[in-house]
Amino acid sequence: MVQILLVGTGAGLTAALLLASVISGSIAAAFLFYLAPLPILIAALGWSHLAGLVAAASATAIVAAFSGILLLPVAMISFGAWWLAYLTLLARPASNGSGGKLEWYPVGRLVLWAAAIGTLIVIAAVPSFGTDQESLQSALRKSYGRLLFDRSTIDLLVIAVPPAAAAFSTITNLLNLWLAAQIVRISGRLARPWPELSSFALPPAATGLVAVAITGLFLPDLVGVLSGAWAASLLTAFALLGFAVMHCATRGMSARNVVLGITYVAALALGWPLLGISMLGFAETLFNIRARIASRRRPPSLRI
């Protein structure tokens, strides 16, 4: 128990320093800020979720002590990381009862939780800018007005920032979880066997959640804005599923690396290809494309 407290406190202090680095305003500091969940995830995956809980609580308390207030986004980032690690280590005996094997919490549900946490981080940050849509957009417009002079660009950013922030938070949550798992795995402390990430699937209910989020876009005031953030997070999850389908579909192709490389570069550089890849993720959920591809690749059965 002493070791858990020491590891958790040390990880929490490290996370708090990474969170506080954003004050400097440099690009490097922003990069460090987005790595803040990493120490919490490492503590939780390597020393149990209790160490992660201590780390999340320590990071939140340290930042609150030095800032003078409890910052909701900091709490959401910290405890969101702990929750993801807790779910990652969640397991139950396999349903077929074979040899004491464990059934681990599905990767697809972890992706969905990362999207939910990404949205909650944005929701927690909104009160810092305003309590309604008008005050939120006014504060954002004022912030970007100090950096930019083109009014049309500022207006576009004011609309795009909440969903973009939610999508980016979803991705950073998953990247930090992946990086923490790799570090703990190399150290030999990762209890969960490493899954095949390209085979993950989102639960069928995810399509219904997207429909609800898109419907919420037409609601007034902050509800519509936050529904947009939720929709962006979910579409990011479906885009990841679309990439998983592409990894499966291109197996065995001589130009596989070229095709995947071009797709990733286009998605990162242009942005709009992500929508098409998200649609591929929707198609996978509805029609099980990877299973169809796998069945076609199987050798024909021998007839006697």
Protein backbone atom coordinates (compact mmCIF):
# COMPACT_ATOMS: atom_id res chain seq x y z
CA MET A 1 0.00 0.00 0.00
CA VAL A 2 2.90 2.35 0.76
CA GLN A 3 4.31 1.69 -2.70
CA ILE A 4 0.94 2.51 -4.30
CA LEU A 5 0.77 5.80 -2.39
CA LEU A 6 4.34 6.76 -3.32
CA VAL A 7 3.91 5.85 -6.99
CA GLY A 8 0.52 7.56 -7.16
CA THR A 9 1.75 10.75 -5.50
CA GLY A 10 4.83 10.91 -7.72
CA ALA A 11 2.75 10.38 -10.84
CA GLY A 12 0.27 13.01 -9.68
CA LEU A 13 3.05 15.54 -9.11
CA THR A 14 4.43 14.84 -12.60
CA ALA A 15 0.97 15.22 -14.15
CA ALA A 16 0.41 18.49 -12.27
CA LEU A 17 3.71 19.89 -13.60
CA LEU A 18 2.73 18.91 -17.15
CA LEU A 19 -0.68 20.53 -16.73
CA ALA A 20 0.87 23.70 -15.33
CA SER A 21 3.37 23.92 -18.21
CA VAL A 22 0.67 25.41 -20.44
CA ILE A 23 1.05 28.71 -18.55
CA SER A 24 4.23 29.50 -20.51
CA GLY A 25 2.22 29.57 -23.75
CA SER A 26 4.90 27.97 -25.92
CA ILE A 27 4.29 25.18 -28.44
CA ALA A 28 6.48 22.80 -26.43
CA ALA A 29 4.41 23.57 -23.32
CA ALA A 30 1.20 22.75 -25.20
CA PHE A 31 2.71 19.41 -26.21
CA LEU A 32 3.62 18.67 -22.57
CA PHE A 33 0.13 19.68 -21.45
CA TYR A 34 -1.45 17.02 -23.65
CA LEU A 35 0.92 14.43 -22.16
CA ALA A 36 -0.39 15.17 -18.64
CA PRO A 37 -2.59 12.02 -18.46
CA LEU A 38 0.41 9.80 -19.25
CA PRO A 39 1.90 9.53 -15.71
CA ILE A 40 -1.54 8.77 -14.28
CA LEU A 41 -2.11 6.05 -16.88
CA ILE A 42 1.32 4.52 -16.28
CA ALA A 43 0.73 4.43 -12.52
CA ALA A 44 -2.69 2.83 -12.96
CA LEU A 45 -1.68 0.25 -15.58
CA GLY A 46 1.56 -0.68 -13.86
CA TRP A 47 0.66 -0.53 -10.15
CA SER A 48 -3.14 -0.95 -10.05
CA HIS A 49 -6.00 1.46 -10.52
CA LEU A 50 -5.64 2.60 -6.90
CA ALA A 51 -2.26 4.12 -7.74
CA GLY A 52 -3.91 5.83 -10.69
CA LEU A 53 -6.67 7.16 -8.45
CA VAL A 54 -4.11 8.57 -6.03
CA ALA A 55 -2.28 10.13 -8.99
CA ALA A 56 -5.46 11.72 -10.38
CA ALA A 57 -6.44 13.11 -6.97
CA SER A 58 -2.91 14.40 -6.31
CA ALA A 59 -2.65 16.13 -9.69
CA THR A 60 -6.02 17.82 -9.23
CA ALA A 61 -5.23 18.89 -5.65
CA ILE A 62 -1.77 20.26 -6.52
CA VAL A 63 -3.06 22.35 -9.43
CA ALA A 64 -5.97 23.59 -7.29
CA ALA A 65 -3.60 24.51 -4.45
CA PHE A 66 -1.37 26.62 -6.68
CA SER A 67 -4.14 28.18 -8.77
CA GLY A 68 -6.43 28.88 -5.82
CA ILE A 69 -9.50 27.25 -7.44
CA LEU A 70 -10.63 23.79 -8.45
CA LEU A 71 -10.30 23.72 -12.24
CA LEU A 72 -12.93 21.37 -13.66
CA PRO A 73 -11.00 20.61 -16.88
CA VAL A 74 -7.98 19.53 -14.81
CA ALA A 75 -10.15 17.21 -12.72
CA MET A 76 -11.77 15.79 -15.85
CA ILE A 77 -8.41 15.17 -17.54
CA SER A 78 -6.95 13.54 -14.43
CA PHE A 79 -9.87 11.35 -13.40
CA GLY A 80 -10.69 10.62 -17.03
CA ALA A 81 -7.23 9.09 -17.42
CA TRP A 82 -7.73 7.01 -14.27
CA TRP A 83 -11.11 5.78 -15.51
CA LEU A 84 -9.69 4.70 -18.88
CA ALA A 85 -6.91 2.76 -17.13
CA TYR A 86 -9.40 1.18 -14.72
CA LEU A 87 -11.54 -0.05 -17.63
CA THR A 88 -8.47 -1.27 -19.51
CA LEU A 89 -7.63 -3.62 -16.62
CA LEU A 90 -11.24 -4.73 -16.14
CA ALA A 91 -11.72 -8.44 -16.84
CA ARG A 92 -14.06 -11.33 -16.10
CA PRO A 93 -13.87 -15.09 -16.59
CA ALA A 94 -14.42 -16.07 -20.23
CA SER A 95 -18.02 -16.99 -20.99
CA ASN A 96 -17.02 -20.38 -22.42
CA GLY A 97 -15.28 -21.23 -19.14
CA SER A 98 -12.14 -22.49 -20.89
CA GLY A 99 -9.06 -22.94 -18.73
CA GLY A 100 -9.49 -19.92 -16.50
CA LYS A 101 -9.06 -17.48 -19.38
CA LEU A 102 -10.17 -13.88 -18.89
CA GLU A 103 -12.38 -11.75 -21.08
CA TRP A 104 -10.97 -8.23 -21.05
CA TYR A 105 -12.92 -5.02 -21.42
CA PRO A 106 -13.40 -4.52 -25.18
CA VAL A 107 -11.13 -2.07 -27.00
CA GLY A 108 -14.11 -0.62 -28.86
CA ARG A 109 -15.77 0.39 -25.62
CA LEU A 110 -12.50 2.00 -24.48
CA VAL A 111 -12.53 4.07 -27.68
CA LEU A 112 -16.13 5.09 -26.97
CA TRP A 113 -15.22 6.07 -23.41
CA ALA A 114 -12.28 8.12 -24.69
CA ALA A 115 -14.75 10.00 -26.91
CA ALA A 116 -17.07 10.58 -23.95
CA ILE A 117 -14.20 11.87 -21.80
CA GLY A 118 -13.02 14.11 -24.64
CA THR A 119 -16.48 15.67 -24.74
CA LEU A 120 -16.65 16.04 -20.97
CA ILE A 121 -13.31 17.89 -20.96
CA VAL A 122 -14.79 20.42 -23.39
CA ILE A 123 -17.97 20.70 -21.30
CA ALA A 124 -15.86 21.30 -18.18
CA ALA A 125 -13.90 24.04 -19.97
CA VAL A 126 -16.94 25.92 -21.33
CA PRO A 127 -17.85 27.78 -18.07
CA SER A 128 -14.42 29.44 -18.18
CA PHE A 129 -15.54 31.24 -21.37
CA GLY A 130 -19.26 31.73 -20.84
CA THR A 131 -22.51 30.28 -19.56
CA ASP A 132 -24.44 30.56 -22.81
CA GLN A 133 -23.70 30.40 -26.53
CA GLU A 134 -23.46 34.15 -26.99
CA SER A 135 -20.99 34.73 -24.15
CA LEU A 136 -18.96 31.65 -25.16
CA GLN A 137 -18.60 32.79 -28.76
CA SER A 138 -17.89 36.35 -27.68
CA ALA A 139 -15.05 35.21 -25.42
CA LEU A 140 -13.60 32.98 -28.14
CA ARG A 141 -13.88 35.77 -30.71
CA LYS A 142 -12.05 38.12 -28.36
CA SER A 143 -9.29 35.57 -27.73
CA TYR A 144 -8.69 34.88 -31.41
CA GLY A 145 -9.02 38.58 -32.23
CA ARG A 146 -5.74 39.16 -30.42
CA LEU A 147 -3.95 36.76 -32.75
CA LEU A 148 -5.80 37.11 -36.06
CA PHE A 149 -7.17 40.03 -38.04
CA ASP A 150 -9.29 38.29 -40.67
CA ARG A 151 -12.87 38.36 -39.37
CA SER A 152 -14.09 35.45 -41.48
CA THR A 153 -11.30 33.22 -40.13
CA ILE A 154 -12.13 34.23 -36.57
CA ASP A 155 -15.84 33.49 -37.12
CA LEU A 156 -14.95 30.07 -38.53
CA LEU A 157 -12.72 29.25 -35.56
CA VAL A 158 -15.38 30.33 -33.07
CA ILE A 159 -17.74 27.73 -34.55
CA ALA A 160 -15.14 25.02 -35.14
CA VAL A 161 -13.19 25.15 -31.88
CA PRO A 162 -15.58 23.23 -29.54
CA PRO A 163 -16.00 20.18 -31.84
CA ALA A 164 -12.33 20.28 -32.88
CA ALA A 165 -11.25 20.40 -29.23
CA ALA A 166 -13.47 17.41 -28.39
CA ALA A 167 -12.13 15.39 -31.33
CA PHE A 168 -8.53 16.27 -30.44
CA SER A 169 -9.11 15.35 -26.78
CA THR A 170 -10.48 11.98 -27.90
CA ILE A 171 -7.35 11.30 -29.94
CA THR A 172 -4.95 12.43 -27.20
CA ASN A 173 -6.77 10.27 -24.65
CA LEU A 174 -6.24 7.21 -26.83
CA LEU A 175 -2.66 8.10 -27.75
CA ASN A 176 -1.74 8.52 -24.09
CA LEU A 177 -3.44 5.22 -23.23
CA TRP A 178 -1.56 3.45 -26.05
CA LEU A 179 1.78 5.02 -25.06
CA ALA A 180 1.29 4.19 -21.37
CA ALA A 181 0.39 0.59 -22.21
CA GLN A 182 3.50 0.28 -24.38
CA ILE A 183 5.73 1.62 -21.60
CA VAL A 184 4.19 -0.63 -18.96
CA ARG A 185 4.25 -3.58 -21.35
CA ILE A 186 8.00 -3.15 -21.96
CA SER A 187 8.57 -3.07 -18.21
CA GLY A 188 6.70 -6.37 -17.88
CA ARG A 189 4.02 -4.97 -15.56
CA LEU A 190 1.09 -4.91 -17.99
CA ALA A 191 -1.44 -7.48 -16.79
CA ARG A 192 -3.58 -7.38 -19.93
CA PRO A 193 -2.39 -9.23 -23.06
CA TRP A 194 -1.78 -6.83 -25.94
CA PRO A 195 -4.84 -6.87 -28.26
CA GLU A 196 -4.90 -6.72 -32.05
CA LEU A 197 -5.99 -3.10 -32.42
CA SER A 198 -7.09 -3.42 -36.07
CA SER A 199 -9.78 -5.92 -35.03
CA PHE A 200 -11.59 -3.68 -32.53
CA ALA A 201 -15.30 -2.99 -33.00
CA LEU A 202 -17.57 -0.29 -31.66
CA PRO A 203 -20.75 -1.39 -29.88
CA PRO A 204 -23.89 -1.21 -32.06
CA ALA A 205 -25.34 1.47 -29.75
CA ALA A 206 -22.64 3.89 -30.97
CA THR A 207 -24.59 4.57 -34.17
CA GLY A 208 -27.61 5.56 -32.08
CA LEU A 209 -25.46 7.89 -30.00
CA VAL A 210 -24.28 9.64 -33.17
CA ALA A 211 -27.89 10.07 -34.30
CA VAL A 212 -28.80 11.63 -30.95
CA ALA A 213 -25.76 13.94 -31.04
CA ILE A 214 -26.52 15.11 -34.59
CA THR A 215 -30.14 15.74 -33.63
CA GLY A 216 -28.91 17.83 -30.71
CA LEU A 217 -27.06 20.10 -33.14
CA PHE A 218 -30.39 21.71 -34.02
CA LEU A 219 -31.18 22.59 -30.41
CA PRO A 220 -30.59 26.18 -29.28
CA ASP A 221 -27.86 27.74 -27.16
CA LEU A 222 -25.14 25.69 -25.44
CA VAL A 223 -27.00 22.40 -25.92
CA GLY A 224 -26.44 22.66 -29.67
CA VAL A 225 -22.79 23.65 -29.25
CA LEU A 226 -22.04 20.79 -26.86
CA SER A 227 -23.98 18.34 -29.03
CA GLY A 228 -21.60 19.33 -31.83
CA ALA A 229 -18.65 18.50 -29.59
CA TRP A 230 -20.18 15.12 -28.72
CA ALA A 231 -20.86 14.39 -32.41
CA ALA A 232 -17.25 15.27 -33.31
CA SER A 233 -15.90 12.91 -30.63
CA LEU A 234 -18.10 10.07 -31.85
CA LEU A 235 -17.18 10.67 -35.49
CA THR A 236 -13.53 10.50 -34.43
CA ALA A 237 -14.20 7.08 -32.89
CA PHE A 238 -15.83 5.92 -36.13
CA ALA A 239 -12.88 7.31 -38.11
CA LEU A 240 -10.55 5.13 -36.03
CA LEU A 241 -12.77 2.17 -36.85
CA GLY A 242 -12.58 3.15 -40.52
CA PHE A 243 -8.78 3.11 -40.32
CA ALA A 244 -8.97 -0.34 -38.72
CA VAL A 245 -11.04 -1.54 -41.70
CA MET A 246 -8.44 -0.11 -44.09
CA HIS A 247 -5.65 -1.94 -42.25
CA CYS A 248 -7.63 -5.15 -42.62
CA ALA A 249 -8.60 -4.58 -46.27
CA THR A 250 -5.05 -3.78 -47.42
CA ARG A 251 -3.40 -6.87 -45.91
CA GLY A 252 -1.47 -8.72 -48.56
CA MET A 253 -1.34 -5.75 -50.95
CA SER A 254 2.09 -4.94 -52.34
CA ALA A 255 1.37 -1.22 -52.08
CA ARG A 256 -0.19 -1.45 -48.61
CA ASN A 257 2.23 0.95 -46.91
CA VAL A 258 1.84 3.50 -49.70
CA VAL A 259 -1.97 3.36 -49.58
CA LEU A 260 -2.10 3.65 -45.80
CA GLY A 261 0.55 6.39 -45.76
CA ILE A 262 -1.30 8.51 -48.31
CA THR A 263 -4.57 8.03 -46.41
CA TYR A 264 -3.09 9.10 -43.08
CA VAL A 265 -1.26 12.10 -44.57
CA ALA A 266 -4.38 13.25 -46.45
CA ALA A 267 -6.52 12.89 -43.33
CA LEU A 268 -4.08 14.87 -41.18
CA ALA A 269 -3.29 17.54 -43.77
CA LEU A 270 -6.75 18.13 -45.22
CA GLY A 271 -9.14 17.01 -42.50
CA TRP A 272 -12.15 16.38 -44.73
CA PRO A 273 -11.07 12.79 -45.71
CA LEU A 274 -11.78 11.88 -42.08
CA LEU A 275 -15.49 12.19 -42.82
CA GLY A 276 -15.26 9.55 -45.53
CA ILE A 277 -13.22 7.29 -43.24
CA SER A 278 -15.86 7.79 -40.54
CA MET A 279 -18.49 6.64 -43.05
CA LEU A 280 -16.39 3.52 -43.62
CA GLY A 281 -16.51 2.97 -39.86
CA PHE A 282 -20.31 3.29 -39.95
CA ALA A 283 -20.45 0.77 -42.79
CA GLU A 284 -18.32 -1.65 -40.78
CA THR A 285 -20.70 -1.40 -37.82
CA LEU A 286 -23.73 -2.03 -40.04
CA PHE A 287 -22.40 -4.57 -42.54
CA ASN A 288 -19.35 -6.19 -40.87
CA ILE A 289 -17.03 -5.49 -43.80
CA ARG A 290 -13.94 -7.07 -42.23
CA ALA A 291 -15.71 -10.40 -41.76
CA ARG A 292 -16.76 -10.36 -45.42
CA ILE A 293 -13.19 -9.63 -46.51
CA ALA A 294 -11.86 -12.41 -44.28
CA SER A 295 -14.35 -14.93 -45.67
CA ARG A 296 -13.28 -14.15 -49.24
CA ARG A 297 -9.63 -14.67 -48.36
CA ARG A 298 -10.19 -18.11 -46.87
CA PRO A 299 -9.11 -21.00 -49.09
CA PRO A 300 -12.01 -22.86 -50.71
CA SER A 301 -13.14 -25.96 -48.84
CA LEU A 302 -12.05 -29.29 -50.29
CA ARG A 303 -14.77 -31.49 -51.65
CA ILE A 304 -14.33 -35.26 -51.63
